[in-house]
Amino acid sequence: TSSDIERLSAALKELSSDEANEYAPYFRRFDYGPRLRSKYAQNIQDLKSSGSYRGLRHKQGLPMRGQRTKTNAQTARRRQRFDD
C-alpha cells in the first residue's frame, strides 16, 4: 500500500551509502515504478494480441474475471468512455 511505500522510502533515506549498497541486490530483484507499469502494460498487450478471452475483454473494456455485466459493470463502462 502507499503507506508501506512511504515508510520504506523514509527508512531508505536514513541509510548510509554503504548500507544502501549492501541492500541494493535485494531491490534489483523486484520490478517497481516505471518498469512495473511498462511490464503490466506489456502483459495486457500480449493478452490482446494473442486473442485470448481476457485479451478480448480488455479490448472491450469489460470485466474479465467472470463478474456479471447486466448490472454492476458501471465502472468498466465508465472507464471505457474515456479510453476511446
C-alpha atoms as a PDB file:
ATOM      1  CA  THR A   1       0.000   0.000   0.000  1.00  0.00           C
ATOM      2  CA  SER A   2       1.055   3.613  -0.275  1.00  0.00           C
ATOM      3  CA  SER A   3       1.701   3.929   3.467  1.00  0.00           C
ATOM      4  CA  ASP A   4       4.082   0.954   3.293  1.00  0.00           C
ATOM      5  CA  ILE A   5       5.905   2.554   0.381  1.00  0.00           C
ATOM      6  CA  GLU A   6       6.197   5.850   2.267  1.00  0.00           C
ATOM      7  CA  ARG A   7       7.607   4.098   5.338  1.00  0.00           C
ATOM      8  CA  LEU A   8      10.087   2.170   3.193  1.00  0.00           C
ATOM      9  CA  SER A   9      11.149   5.332   1.378  1.00  0.00           C
ATOM     10  CA  ALA A  10      11.726   7.132   4.678  1.00  0.00           C
ATOM     11  CA  ALA A  11      13.754   4.200   6.008  1.00  0.00           C
ATOM     12  CA  LEU A  12      15.860   4.070   2.842  1.00  0.00           C
ATOM     13  CA  LYS A  13      16.657   7.779   3.053  1.00  0.00           C
ATOM     14  CA  GLU A  14      18.126   7.224   6.515  1.00  0.00           C
ATOM     15  CA  LEU A  15      20.571   4.558   5.297  1.00  0.00           C
ATOM     16  CA  SER A  16      24.196   5.440   4.748  1.00  0.00           C
ATOM     17  CA  SER A  17      25.621   4.814   1.283  1.00  0.00           C
ATOM     18  CA  ASP A  18      27.436   1.680   2.487  1.00  0.00           C
ATOM     19  CA  GLU A  19      24.224   0.253   3.921  1.00  0.00           C
ATOM     20  CA  ALA A  20      22.305   1.170   0.778  1.00  0.00           C
ATOM     21  CA  ASN A  21      24.883  -0.620  -1.383  1.00  0.00           C
ATOM     22  CA  GLU A  22      24.542  -3.649   0.848  1.00  0.00           C
ATOM     23  CA  TYR A  23      20.767  -3.849   0.250  1.00  0.00           C
ATOM     24  CA  ALA A  24      20.875  -2.916  -3.452  1.00  0.00           C
ATOM     25  CA  PRO A  25      20.903  -6.531  -4.785  1.00  0.00           C
ATOM     26  CA  TYR A  26      17.660  -7.246  -2.944  1.00  0.00           C
ATOM     27  CA  PHE A  27      15.874  -4.308  -4.570  1.00  0.00           C
ATOM     28  CA  ARG A  28      17.088  -5.183  -8.058  1.00  0.00           C
ATOM     29  CA  ARG A  29      15.161  -8.463  -7.895  1.00  0.00           C
ATOM     30  CA  PHE A  30      11.814  -6.646  -7.935  1.00  0.00           C
ATOM     31  CA  ASP A  31      10.158  -4.501 -10.553  1.00  0.00           C
ATOM     32  CA  TYR A  32       8.709  -1.240  -9.297  1.00  0.00           C
ATOM     33  CA  GLY A  33       7.886   2.211 -10.592  1.00  0.00           C
ATOM     34  CA  PRO A  34       8.014   2.756 -14.365  1.00  0.00           C
ATOM     35  CA  ARG A  35       9.445  -0.692 -15.024  1.00  0.00           C
ATOM     36  CA  LEU A  36       6.476  -2.327 -13.282  1.00  0.00           C
ATOM     37  CA  ARG A  37       3.979  -0.170 -15.195  1.00  0.00           C
ATOM     38  CA  SER A  38       5.592  -0.992 -18.544  1.00  0.00           C
ATOM     39  CA  LYS A  39       5.685  -4.701 -17.689  1.00  0.00           C
ATOM     40  CA  TYR A  40       1.994  -4.579 -16.719  1.00  0.00           C
ATOM     41  CA  ALA A  41       1.092  -2.766 -19.948  1.00  0.00           C
ATOM     42  CA  GLN A  42       3.124  -5.263 -21.990  1.00  0.00           C
ATOM     43  CA  ASN A  43       1.330  -8.195 -20.346  1.00  0.00           C
ATOM     44  CA  ILE A  44      -2.053  -6.691 -21.237  1.00  0.00           C
ATOM     45  CA  GLN A  45      -0.864  -6.000 -24.789  1.00  0.00           C
ATOM     46  CA  ASP A  46       0.249  -9.640 -25.100  1.00  0.00           C
ATOM     47  CA  LEU A  47      -3.193 -10.800 -23.965  1.00  0.00           C
ATOM     48  CA  LYS A  48      -4.871  -8.553 -26.536  1.00  0.00           C
ATOM     49  CA  SER A  49      -2.650  -9.658 -29.411  1.00  0.00           C
ATOM     50  CA  SER A  50      -2.986 -13.359 -28.556  1.00  0.00           C
ATOM     51  CA  GLY A  51      -6.764 -13.152 -28.950  1.00  0.00           C
ATOM     52  CA  SER A  52      -7.424 -14.792 -25.603  1.00  0.00           C
ATOM     53  CA  TYR A  53     -10.710 -14.311 -23.770  1.00  0.00           C
ATOM     54  CA  ARG A  54      -9.096 -11.994 -21.243  1.00  0.00           C
ATOM     55  CA  GLY A  55      -7.470 -10.017 -24.063  1.00  0.00           C
ATOM     56  CA  LEU A  56     -10.796  -9.575 -25.818  1.00  0.00           C
ATOM     57  CA  ARG A  57     -12.413  -8.403 -22.576  1.00  0.00           C
ATOM     58  CA  HIS A  58      -9.576  -5.911 -22.113  1.00  0.00           C
ATOM     59  CA  LYS A  59     -10.162  -4.586 -25.632  1.00  0.00           C
ATOM     60  CA  GLN A  60     -13.874  -4.199 -24.962  1.00  0.00           C
ATOM     61  CA  GLY A  61     -13.258  -2.587 -21.586  1.00  0.00           C
ATOM     62  CA  LEU A  62     -15.366  -5.144 -19.740  1.00  0.00           C
ATOM     63  CA  PRO A  63     -14.687  -7.215 -16.605  1.00  0.00           C
ATOM     64  CA  MET A  64     -12.624 -10.293 -17.383  1.00  0.00           C
ATOM     65  CA  ARG A  65     -12.877 -12.365 -14.224  1.00  0.00           C
ATOM     66  CA  GLY A  66     -16.417 -13.646 -14.515  1.00  0.00           C
ATOM     67  CA  GLN A  67     -18.299 -10.726 -12.992  1.00  0.00           C
ATOM     68  CA  ARG A  68     -21.825 -10.104 -14.182  1.00  0.00           C
ATOM     69  CA  THR A  69     -22.355  -7.322 -16.687  1.00  0.00           C
ATOM     70  CA  LYS A  70     -26.138  -6.930 -16.829  1.00  0.00           C
ATOM     71  CA  THR A  71     -25.773  -4.786 -13.733  1.00  0.00           C
ATOM     72  CA  ASN A  72     -22.686  -3.876 -11.717  1.00  0.00           C
ATOM     73  CA  ALA A  73     -20.343  -3.225 -14.645  1.00  0.00           C
ATOM     74  CA  GLN A  74     -20.755   0.516 -14.293  1.00  0.00           C
ATOM     75  CA  THR A  75     -17.098   1.184 -13.546  1.00  0.00           C
ATOM     76  CA  ALA A  76     -15.936  -0.762 -16.593  1.00  0.00           C
ATOM     77  CA  ARG A  77     -18.375   1.095 -18.805  1.00  0.00           C
ATOM     78  CA  ARG A  78     -17.341   4.446 -17.350  1.00  0.00           C
ATOM     79  CA  ARG A  79     -13.654   3.715 -17.953  1.00  0.00           C
ATOM     80  CA  GLN A  80     -14.477   2.625 -21.488  1.00  0.00           C
ATOM     81  CA  ARG A  81     -15.881   6.070 -22.304  1.00  0.00           C
ATOM     82  CA  PHE A  82     -12.550   7.715 -21.500  1.00  0.00           C
ATOM     83  CA  ASP A  83     -10.383   5.162 -23.309  1.00  0.00           C
ATOM     84  CA  ASP A  84     -11.887   5.915 -26.729  1.00  0.00           C
END
